Protein backbone atom coordinates (compact mmCIF):
# COMPACT_ATOMS: atom_id res chain seq x y z
CA MET A 1 0.08 0.03 -0.11
CA ARG A 2 1.40 3.55 -0.89
CA THR A 3 1.94 6.02 1.46
CA LEU A 4 2.36 9.75 0.55
CA ILE A 5 5.83 11.05 1.40
CA LYS A 6 4.10 13.83 3.22
CA HIS A 7 2.61 11.45 5.68
CA VAL A 8 5.97 9.52 5.98
CA LEU A 9 7.81 12.73 7.03
CA ALA A 10 5.09 13.64 9.74
CA ALA A 11 5.31 9.96 11.31
CA THR A 12 5.57 9.90 15.01
CA GLU A 13 7.19 6.70 15.40
CA PRO A 14 9.42 3.93 13.33
CA GLN A 15 7.51 1.92 11.16
CA ALA A 16 8.23 -1.57 9.80
CA ALA A 17 6.63 -1.69 6.47
CA VAL A 18 6.19 1.31 4.23
CA THR A 19 5.93 1.70 0.53
CA VAL A 20 6.78 4.87 -1.21
CA LYS A 21 6.50 6.05 -4.92
CA GLY A 22 8.14 9.17 -6.55
CA TRP A 23 10.86 10.73 -8.53
CA VAL A 24 14.34 10.62 -7.91
CA ARG A 25 15.75 14.08 -6.86
CA THR A 26 19.42 13.07 -6.49
CA ARG A 27 21.33 9.83 -6.20
CA ARG A 28 24.58 9.70 -4.02
CA ASP A 29 26.68 6.27 -4.18
CA ALA A 30 28.86 5.13 -1.37
CA LYS A 31 30.71 1.95 -0.84
CA GLY A 32 28.24 -0.81 -0.71
CA PHE A 33 25.12 1.21 -0.34
CA SER A 34 23.43 4.66 -1.93
CA PHE A 35 21.42 7.11 -0.94
CA LEU A 36 18.20 8.19 -3.07
CA GLU A 37 16.44 11.61 -2.39
CA LEU A 38 12.80 10.58 -3.33
CA ASN A 39 9.96 13.27 -3.88
CA ASP A 40 6.34 12.52 -4.76
CA GLY A 41 5.13 16.28 -4.95
CA SER A 42 2.79 15.74 -2.00
CA CYS A 43 4.90 18.16 0.11
CA LEU A 44 8.11 20.28 -0.23
CA GLY A 45 10.11 17.78 1.50
CA SER A 46 11.79 14.59 0.16
CA LEU A 47 12.54 11.38 1.83
CA GLN A 48 16.17 10.01 2.08
CA VAL A 49 16.17 6.25 1.07
CA VAL A 50 19.30 4.27 1.81
CA VAL A 51 19.63 1.13 -0.49
CA ASP A 52 22.22 -1.46 0.49
CA ALA A 53 23.90 -3.19 -2.49
CA GLY A 54 22.13 -6.55 -1.65
CA THR A 55 18.70 -4.95 -1.78
CA PRO A 56 16.42 -6.71 -4.42
CA GLY A 57 16.41 -4.27 -7.10
CA ALA A 58 19.70 -2.58 -6.33
CA GLU A 59 21.01 -3.49 -9.84
CA GLU A 60 19.08 -0.67 -11.11
CA LEU A 61 20.49 1.85 -9.14
CA PRO A 62 22.95 3.30 -11.94
CA ARG A 63 19.82 3.83 -13.95
CA LEU A 64 18.05 5.61 -11.13
CA THR A 65 19.12 9.08 -12.29
CA THR A 66 17.57 12.49 -11.53
CA GLY A 67 14.00 12.39 -12.76
CA ALA A 68 13.50 8.74 -12.83
CA SER A 69 10.74 7.21 -10.99
CA ALA A 70 10.64 4.38 -8.36
CA VAL A 71 8.87 2.29 -6.16
CA VAL A 72 10.52 1.56 -2.80
CA ALA A 73 9.27 -0.52 0.08
CA GLY A 74 11.30 -0.43 3.34
CA GLN A 75 11.57 0.23 7.03
CA LEU A 76 11.03 3.79 8.36
CA VAL A 77 14.01 4.49 10.92
CA SER A 78 15.24 7.52 12.82
CA SER A 79 17.79 9.26 10.85
CA PRO A 80 21.35 10.06 11.98
CA ALA A 81 21.65 12.73 9.67
CA PRO A 82 20.98 16.32 10.53
CA GLY A 83 18.05 18.26 9.51
CA GLN A 84 15.85 15.02 8.78
CA LYS A 85 13.87 12.91 11.39
CA TRP A 86 13.55 9.81 9.14
CA GLU A 87 15.02 7.76 6.46
CA LEU A 88 13.91 4.69 4.51
CA ARG A 89 15.96 1.62 4.85
CA ALA A 90 15.04 -0.10 1.59
CA THR A 91 13.92 -3.82 1.44
CA ARG A 92 13.17 -3.62 -2.08
CA LEU A 93 13.56 -1.15 -5.09
CA GLU A 94 11.68 -1.08 -8.21
CA LEU A 95 12.68 1.11 -11.28
CA VAL A 96 9.56 2.61 -12.91
CA GLY A 97 10.41 4.81 -15.52
CA VAL A 98 14.06 6.08 -16.43
CA ALA A 99 15.05 9.85 -17.15
CA ASP A 100 17.62 9.77 -19.91
CA ALA A 101 20.46 12.42 -19.99
CA THR A 102 18.66 15.22 -21.75
CA TYR A 103 16.41 15.52 -18.47
CA PRO A 104 16.40 19.52 -17.94
CA LEU A 105 15.53 19.58 -14.30
CA GLN A 106 19.01 18.88 -12.57
CA LYS A 107 20.02 19.96 -8.95
CA LYS A 108 20.78 23.52 -9.79
CA GLY A 109 19.05 26.85 -9.98
CA HIS A 110 17.00 27.61 -13.01
CA THR A 111 15.48 30.94 -14.24
CA ALA A 112 11.86 31.46 -14.47
CA GLU A 113 12.10 32.35 -17.90
CA PHE A 114 13.47 28.69 -18.80
CA LEU A 115 11.09 26.85 -16.51
CA ARG A 116 8.45 28.52 -18.66
CA THR A 117 9.64 26.69 -21.61
CA ILE A 118 9.35 23.25 -19.91
CA ALA A 119 5.76 24.14 -18.28
CA HIS A 120 5.25 20.16 -18.60
CA LEU A 121 8.06 19.51 -16.23
CA ARG A 122 8.26 22.68 -14.06
CA PRO A 123 5.97 21.33 -11.57
CA ARG A 124 8.61 18.79 -10.30
CA SER A 125 10.89 21.64 -9.09
CA ASN A 126 10.73 22.78 -5.53
CA LEU A 127 9.19 26.43 -6.23
CA TYR A 128 6.46 25.57 -8.56
CA GLY A 129 5.49 22.41 -6.78
CA ALA A 130 4.71 24.82 -3.95
CA VAL A 131 2.95 27.33 -5.92
CA PHE A 132 0.47 24.56 -7.35
CA ARG A 133 -0.07 22.76 -3.84
CA VAL A 134 -0.92 26.19 -2.63
CA ARG A 135 -3.12 26.69 -5.73
CA SER A 136 -5.20 23.74 -5.12
CA ARG A 137 -5.48 24.51 -1.50
CA LEU A 138 -6.67 28.00 -2.05
CA ALA A 139 -9.11 26.79 -4.67
CA PHE A 140 -10.83 24.60 -1.97
CA ALA A 141 -10.73 27.45 0.42
CA VAL A 142 -12.58 29.56 -2.01
CA HIS A 143 -15.57 26.95 -1.94
CA GLN A 144 -15.22 26.69 1.84
CA PHE A 145 -15.69 30.44 2.34
CA PHE A 146 -18.78 30.73 0.19
CA GLN A 147 -20.40 27.65 1.21
CA GLU A 148 -20.05 28.48 4.81
CA ARG A 149 -21.94 31.47 4.05
CA ASP A 150 -24.59 29.82 2.23
CA PHE A 151 -23.89 31.03 -1.17
CA VAL A 152 -24.83 28.77 -4.29
CA TYR A 153 -22.30 27.65 -6.69
CA VAL A 154 -23.46 28.27 -10.07
CA HIS A 155 -21.42 27.09 -13.37
CA THR A 156 -21.95 30.06 -15.81
CA PRO A 157 -21.28 29.33 -19.57
CA ILE A 158 -17.81 29.44 -21.00
CA ILE A 159 -19.29 30.24 -24.52
CA THR A 160 -21.59 33.61 -24.75
CA ALA A 161 -23.13 36.26 -27.01
CA SER A 162 -22.57 38.95 -24.45
CA ASP A 163 -19.62 41.10 -24.05
CA CYS A 164 -19.98 41.75 -20.16
CA GLU A 165 -17.26 44.56 -20.02
CA GLY A 166 -18.32 46.22 -23.23
CA ALA A 167 -14.66 46.46 -24.20
CA GLY A 168 -14.66 43.90 -27.03
CA GLU A 169 -11.86 42.41 -26.12
CA MET A 170 -13.36 38.98 -26.59
CA PHE A 171 -12.16 35.61 -28.53
CA ARG A 172 -14.53 34.75 -31.39
CA VAL A 173 -15.89 30.92 -31.34
CA THR A 174 -16.65 29.88 -34.89
CA ALA A 175 -17.35 26.59 -36.49
CA LEU A 176 -17.08 28.35 -40.27
CA LYS A 177 -14.26 26.92 -42.28
CA GLY A 178 -13.76 30.40 -44.06
CA ASN A 179 -14.05 34.06 -42.77
CA PRO A 180 -15.72 33.90 -39.47
CA ASP A 181 -17.05 37.35 -40.32
CA GLU A 182 -19.46 35.94 -43.32
CA LYS A 183 -22.94 34.89 -42.43
CA PRO A 184 -22.68 34.62 -38.83
CA GLN A 185 -26.21 33.20 -38.75
CA ALA A 186 -24.96 30.16 -40.53
CA ASP A 187 -22.28 29.58 -37.99
CA PHE A 188 -22.91 26.85 -35.12
CA PHE A 189 -25.01 28.88 -32.54
CA GLY A 190 -26.62 30.83 -35.41
CA ARG A 191 -25.17 33.97 -34.03
CA PRO A 192 -21.63 35.52 -33.24
CA THR A 193 -20.35 33.84 -29.97
CA TYR A 194 -17.27 34.27 -28.00
CA LEU A 195 -15.32 32.89 -24.96
CA THR A 196 -16.43 34.75 -21.82
CA VAL A 197 -14.77 37.48 -20.03
CA SER A 198 -16.74 36.99 -17.04
CA GLY A 199 -19.70 34.99 -15.59
CA GLN A 200 -21.32 38.12 -13.89
CA LEU A 201 -24.04 38.72 -15.93
CA GLU A 202 -25.47 35.11 -15.73
CA GLY A 203 -24.55 35.16 -12.07
CA GLU A 204 -27.03 38.14 -11.73
CA SER A 205 -29.81 36.00 -13.15
CA PHE A 206 -29.27 33.19 -10.56
CA ALA A 207 -28.65 35.84 -7.59
CA CYS A 208 -32.00 37.24 -8.33
CA ALA A 209 -33.76 33.88 -7.97
CA LEU A 210 -31.39 32.00 -5.12
CA SER A 211 -30.34 35.23 -3.32
CA ASN A 212 -26.34 34.74 -2.93
CA ILE A 213 -24.50 32.86 -5.51
CA TYR A 214 -20.80 32.49 -6.83
CA THR A 215 -19.19 31.47 -9.99
CA PHE A 216 -15.49 30.14 -10.03
CA GLY A 217 -14.25 29.27 -13.37
CA PRO A 218 -12.34 30.04 -16.32
CA THR A 219 -12.36 33.39 -18.54
CA PHE A 220 -10.74 34.81 -21.64
CA ARG A 221 -9.71 38.23 -22.68
CA ALA A 222 -8.26 38.89 -26.04
CA GLU A 223 -6.10 41.81 -24.58
CA ASN A 224 -2.61 42.07 -26.33
CA SER A 225 -0.81 42.58 -23.38
CA ASN A 226 2.47 41.19 -22.27
CA THR A 227 2.59 42.27 -18.75
CA ALA A 228 3.39 40.42 -15.73
CA ARG A 229 -0.04 40.82 -14.47
CA HIS A 230 -2.23 39.82 -17.68
CA ALA A 231 -2.99 36.57 -19.16
CA ALA A 232 -5.32 35.71 -21.93
CA GLU A 233 -6.88 32.65 -19.82
CA PHE A 234 -7.38 33.16 -16.27
CA TRP A 235 -9.82 31.96 -13.54
CA MET A 236 -12.45 34.23 -11.96
CA ILE A 237 -14.09 34.14 -8.64
CA GLU A 238 -17.56 36.22 -8.80
CA PRO A 239 -19.92 36.32 -6.09
CA GLU A 240 -23.26 37.92 -6.46
CA MET A 241 -25.83 38.98 -3.72
CA ALA A 242 -29.53 40.02 -3.95
CA PHE A 243 -30.79 42.56 -1.77
CA CYS A 244 -27.27 44.11 -1.39
CA ASP A 245 -25.70 47.56 -1.67
CA LEU A 246 -22.32 48.61 -2.24
CA PRO A 247 -21.18 48.88 1.48
CA GLY A 248 -22.39 45.27 1.82
CA ASP A 249 -20.21 44.38 -1.34
CA MET A 250 -16.95 46.11 0.22
CA ASP A 251 -17.74 44.08 3.52
CA LEU A 252 -17.90 40.77 1.74
CA GLY A 253 -14.73 41.66 -0.46
CA GLU A 254 -12.52 42.77 2.42
CA GLU A 255 -13.67 39.98 4.64
CA PHE A 256 -12.81 37.41 1.73
CA ILE A 257 -9.19 38.83 1.21
CA LYS A 258 -8.53 38.44 5.14
CA ALA A 259 -9.86 34.92 5.15
CA MET A 260 -7.76 33.83 2.24
CA ALA A 261 -4.72 35.36 3.63
CA LYS A 262 -5.33 33.27 7.03
CA TYR A 263 -5.97 30.31 5.39
CA ALA A 264 -2.73 30.36 3.72
CA GLN A 265 -0.81 31.29 6.55
CA GLU A 266 -2.47 28.21 8.82
CA GLN A 267 -2.59 25.50 5.88
CA CYS A 268 0.22 26.40 3.54
CA ALA A 269 2.82 27.23 5.98
CA GLU A 270 5.57 25.10 4.70
CA ASP A 271 5.32 26.48 1.02
CA LEU A 272 4.88 29.93 2.11
CA ALA A 273 8.06 29.66 3.99
CA LEU A 274 9.90 28.62 0.64
CA PHE A 275 8.36 31.62 -0.84
CA ALA A 276 9.56 33.94 1.93
CA ARG A 277 13.03 32.51 1.68
CA PHE A 278 13.49 32.62 -2.12
CA VAL A 279 10.75 34.67 -3.66
CA ASP A 280 9.62 37.58 -1.54
CA LYS A 281 11.38 38.07 1.75
CA GLY A 282 8.70 40.56 2.63
CA LEU A 283 5.94 38.17 2.09
CA PRO A 284 4.98 37.22 6.09
CA GLU A 285 5.21 40.73 6.96
CA ARG A 286 2.48 41.90 3.98
CA LEU A 287 0.19 39.08 5.10
CA GLU A 288 0.17 40.35 8.60
CA PHE A 289 -0.13 43.96 7.24
CA VAL A 290 -3.33 42.59 5.73
CA LEU A 291 -4.70 40.68 8.60
CA GLU A 292 -3.94 43.10 11.14
CA ARG A 293 -4.98 46.42 9.78
CA PRO A 294 -8.49 47.33 8.98
CA PHE A 295 -9.43 48.59 5.41
CA VAL A 296 -9.46 52.26 4.93
CA ARG A 297 -12.34 53.37 2.68
CA VAL A 298 -11.72 56.16 0.27
CA PRO A 299 -13.95 57.78 -2.55
CA TYR A 300 -12.14 57.66 -5.97
CA GLY A 301 -11.98 61.55 -5.93
CA GLN A 302 -10.16 61.76 -2.81
CA ALA A 303 -7.80 59.10 -3.90
CA ILE A 304 -6.92 61.25 -6.89
CA ASP A 305 -6.24 64.32 -4.61
CA ILE A 306 -4.27 62.17 -2.41
CA LEU A 307 -2.05 61.07 -5.44
CA ARG A 308 -1.69 64.38 -6.99
CA GLN A 309 -0.70 66.24 -3.90
CA SER A 310 1.91 63.51 -2.63
CA GLY A 311 4.78 65.09 -4.59
CA LYS A 312 5.82 61.50 -5.71
CA GLN A 313 6.73 61.29 -9.25
CA PHE A 314 4.59 58.47 -10.86
CA GLU A 315 5.35 56.93 -14.14
CA PHE A 316 1.74 57.56 -14.97
CA PRO A 317 0.50 60.88 -13.42
CA ALA A 318 -2.90 60.44 -11.60
CA ALA A 319 -5.69 62.33 -13.11
CA TYR A 320 -9.34 62.51 -12.52
CA GLY A 321 -11.15 60.42 -15.00
CA GLN A 322 -8.68 57.88 -15.36
CA ASN A 323 -8.21 54.44 -13.81
CA LEU A 324 -5.66 53.94 -11.14
CA GLN A 325 -2.51 52.31 -12.15
CA SER A 326 -0.77 49.66 -10.30
CA GLU A 327 1.77 52.27 -8.78
CA HIS A 328 -0.90 54.47 -7.74
CA GLU A 329 -2.65 51.62 -5.79
CA ARG A 330 0.62 50.52 -4.18
CA PHE A 331 1.39 54.02 -3.02
CA LEU A 332 -2.22 54.21 -1.37
CA THR A 333 -1.69 51.02 0.71
CA GLU A 334 2.09 51.25 1.25
CA GLU A 335 2.86 54.52 1.75
CA HIS A 336 -0.01 57.02 2.40
CA PHE A 337 -2.63 54.67 4.49
CA LYS A 338 -0.30 51.93 5.58
CA SER A 339 -3.26 49.84 5.28
CA PRO A 340 -5.15 47.81 2.74
CA VAL A 341 -7.50 50.29 0.89
CA THR A 342 -11.10 50.22 -0.80
CA VAL A 343 -11.46 52.72 -3.34
CA PHE A 344 -15.14 53.50 -4.36
CA ASN A 345 -17.27 55.60 -6.42
CA TYR A 346 -15.59 55.81 -9.60
CA PRO A 347 -16.50 58.11 -12.89
CA ARG A 348 -19.26 56.77 -14.75
CA ALA A 349 -17.24 57.15 -17.91
CA ILE A 350 -14.51 54.78 -16.94
CA LYS A 351 -16.79 51.89 -15.71
CA PRO A 352 -19.23 49.21 -17.37
CA PHE A 353 -22.81 49.90 -18.08
CA TYR A 354 -24.11 47.63 -15.41
CA MET A 355 -22.79 49.74 -12.69
CA ARG A 356 -25.54 51.85 -10.45
CA LEU A 357 -25.33 55.29 -11.24
CA ASN A 358 -25.07 57.37 -8.10
CA ASP A 359 -27.47 60.28 -7.20
CA ASP A 360 -24.45 62.78 -8.37
CA GLY A 361 -25.24 61.63 -11.87
CA GLN A 362 -21.44 61.47 -12.44
CA THR A 363 -20.16 58.52 -10.45
CA VAL A 364 -21.14 54.70 -9.92
CA ALA A 365 -21.11 52.77 -7.15
CA ALA A 366 -18.09 50.77 -7.88
CA MET A 367 -15.40 49.49 -5.57
CA ASP A 368 -11.69 48.17 -5.92
CA VAL A 369 -10.09 46.30 -2.95
CA LEU A 370 -6.33 47.04 -2.91
CA VAL A 371 -3.57 45.26 -1.00
CA PRO A 372 0.18 46.06 -0.82
CA GLY A 373 2.77 44.54 -3.29
CA ILE A 374 -0.09 43.99 -5.75
CA GLY A 375 -2.59 46.59 -5.86
CA GLU A 376 -5.92 45.80 -7.00
CA VAL A 377 -7.22 42.53 -6.19
CA ILE A 378 -10.96 42.77 -6.33
CA GLY A 379 -13.19 44.81 -8.50
CA GLY A 380 -16.87 45.04 -7.84
CA ALA A 381 -19.99 47.36 -7.81
CA GLN A 382 -23.56 47.71 -6.86
CA ARG A 383 -25.63 46.87 -10.17
CA GLU A 384 -28.01 48.77 -11.72
CA GLU A 385 -31.41 47.56 -10.68
CA ARG A 386 -33.54 50.33 -12.17
CA LEU A 387 -35.10 49.66 -15.75
CA GLU A 388 -35.02 52.89 -17.02
CA GLN A 389 -31.76 53.80 -15.87
CA LEU A 390 -30.11 50.50 -17.07
CA HIS A 391 -31.48 51.46 -20.59
CA ASP A 392 -29.81 55.05 -20.13
CA ASN A 393 -26.48 53.29 -19.26
CA LEU A 394 -26.65 51.11 -22.21
CA ARG A 395 -27.09 54.45 -24.43
CA PHE A 396 -24.43 56.04 -22.52
CA HIS A 397 -21.94 53.13 -23.37
CA GLN A 398 -23.15 52.91 -26.98
CA LEU A 399 -24.58 49.26 -26.50
CA ARG A 400 -27.59 47.84 -27.98
CA ALA A 401 -30.22 46.98 -25.53
CA GLU A 402 -31.69 44.05 -27.63
CA ASP A 403 -28.08 42.42 -27.18
CA TYR A 404 -28.75 42.48 -23.47
CA TRP A 405 -32.67 41.65 -23.53
CA TRP A 406 -32.63 38.83 -20.90
CA TYR A 407 -30.43 41.05 -18.53
CA VAL A 408 -32.80 43.81 -18.92
CA ASP A 409 -35.74 41.35 -17.90
CA LEU A 410 -34.12 41.08 -14.57
CA ARG A 411 -35.11 44.70 -13.80
CA ARG A 412 -38.48 44.07 -15.37
CA TYR A 413 -39.67 41.08 -13.10
CA GLY A 414 -39.33 41.74 -9.53
CA THR A 415 -35.97 43.64 -9.58
CA VAL A 416 -33.99 44.17 -6.25
CA PRO A 417 -30.83 45.96 -5.14
CA HIS A 418 -27.81 43.79 -5.76
CA ALA A 419 -24.21 43.93 -5.98
CA GLY A 420 -21.17 41.59 -6.38
CA PHE A 421 -17.55 41.48 -7.46
CA GLY A 422 -14.61 39.85 -9.48
CA LEU A 423 -11.56 38.32 -8.20
CA GLY A 424 -8.97 37.20 -10.68
CA PHE A 425 -7.83 33.83 -9.00
CA GLU A 426 -4.22 34.09 -10.31
CA ARG A 427 -3.89 37.73 -8.90
CA LEU A 428 -4.89 36.43 -5.47
CA LEU A 429 -2.33 33.70 -5.71
CA MET A 430 0.48 36.42 -6.64
CA PHE A 431 -0.35 38.40 -3.53
CA LEU A 432 -0.40 35.29 -1.21
CA THR A 433 3.10 33.88 -2.65
CA GLY A 434 4.88 36.71 -3.65
CA VAL A 435 5.36 35.34 -7.15
CA ALA A 436 5.82 38.55 -9.30
CA ASN A 437 4.58 37.02 -12.83
CA ILE A 438 0.94 35.80 -13.74
CA ARG A 439 2.78 33.04 -16.01
CA ASP A 440 4.15 31.32 -12.84
CA VAL A 441 0.89 30.72 -10.84
CA ILE A 442 -1.15 29.01 -13.46
CA PRO A 443 -0.23 25.64 -14.62
CA PHE A 444 -0.01 26.60 -18.73
CA ALA A 445 0.01 30.19 -19.17
CA ARG A 446 -1.83 31.61 -22.39
CA THR A 447 -0.46 34.97 -23.38
CA PRO A 448 0.07 36.64 -26.63
CA GLY A 449 1.88 34.40 -29.06
CA ASN A 450 2.02 31.56 -26.41
CA ALA A 451 0.00 28.49 -26.30
CA GLU A 452 2.44 25.84 -26.76
CA PHE A 453 1.48 23.53 -24.21
């Protein structure tokens, strides 16, 4: 019976019969015996295996090079070596799969750029194994957070005819063999369709029936950007709440960020320690910063005034009517307020059509949650629940109401105030791990010019 190495390393007493399976990190030979460092990906640590020359299967040792896979049965005993509690004295060794001399993950430092070229192998490295274990655990934590609060998980469609953001940065889906712009009615769905940029609009329809819902799935954006913060395919977490206003939306967003930081600290401590040592030495302090300090809420107009009066030279000067840049967001959190920040009430012209118009007629009930090191991690809003005002918003943003007929219906049949937000899962992971490039927190990055794997 196989035992995961994470459980072997956590054992409290010796064990007479243990079987482990994994990949060889290193092999070191001595007179009459060899040491194998075996890792199965279940944790950061590896298990030292001692193989005597007479052990059944020991004749395969010369082929057990770095990257080879093996099954080892043996006895778990106390290790005399410093820094490790246990070692496995092999009683049987089986070579499962060889790794020839071209295996690229040797025991040395590799750059992130190089590892992206072997994305199919990089999860075997310490860093990326840790990243993707944290990704898995945080995905569980997301569901746990919403399920404990009685949110209903909704699977929204990946293929859509609606441009949620109204920006046109969408990937066309077509079954036509020729020019996809010819005769769209002859296409598979009988109309132009795209990969979704958000499940929000469909999520709203379920919130207006089930009260509190959330989506968590892949989204796509055809934005020709090669920055460290953008990817063409990414995962979004999008809760929607009926009978909720902007303050309630901000409450949930801020609570969510603190809950994810706390979960990572408590459940991913070993992997976070690796990030703090080799990726971002300030990571522990930044997570404590968010956990210990209350969020400061500041209107957009006041935030712009703070930035303009700061005396700081920004690469992109702050100006009213423009979106905040990452450098602005980090200044507000790290230097001015020295606290996580929620900015709210943005100008109508720079936000999508679905956001609720405030009484001033100039701003909408939108909010962004900002954290140090990253800037914005959450963007949300109270949705426009008034039928006539939604029609006006569509005209203001030069969108056709008939393209959103079913969304408009929600305001015609039992409309209620409702609100929600969107959170890029990869952006959250960057914050919690200190990894600076989005390409390194998603298994197979999709960016302009890159879809190899």
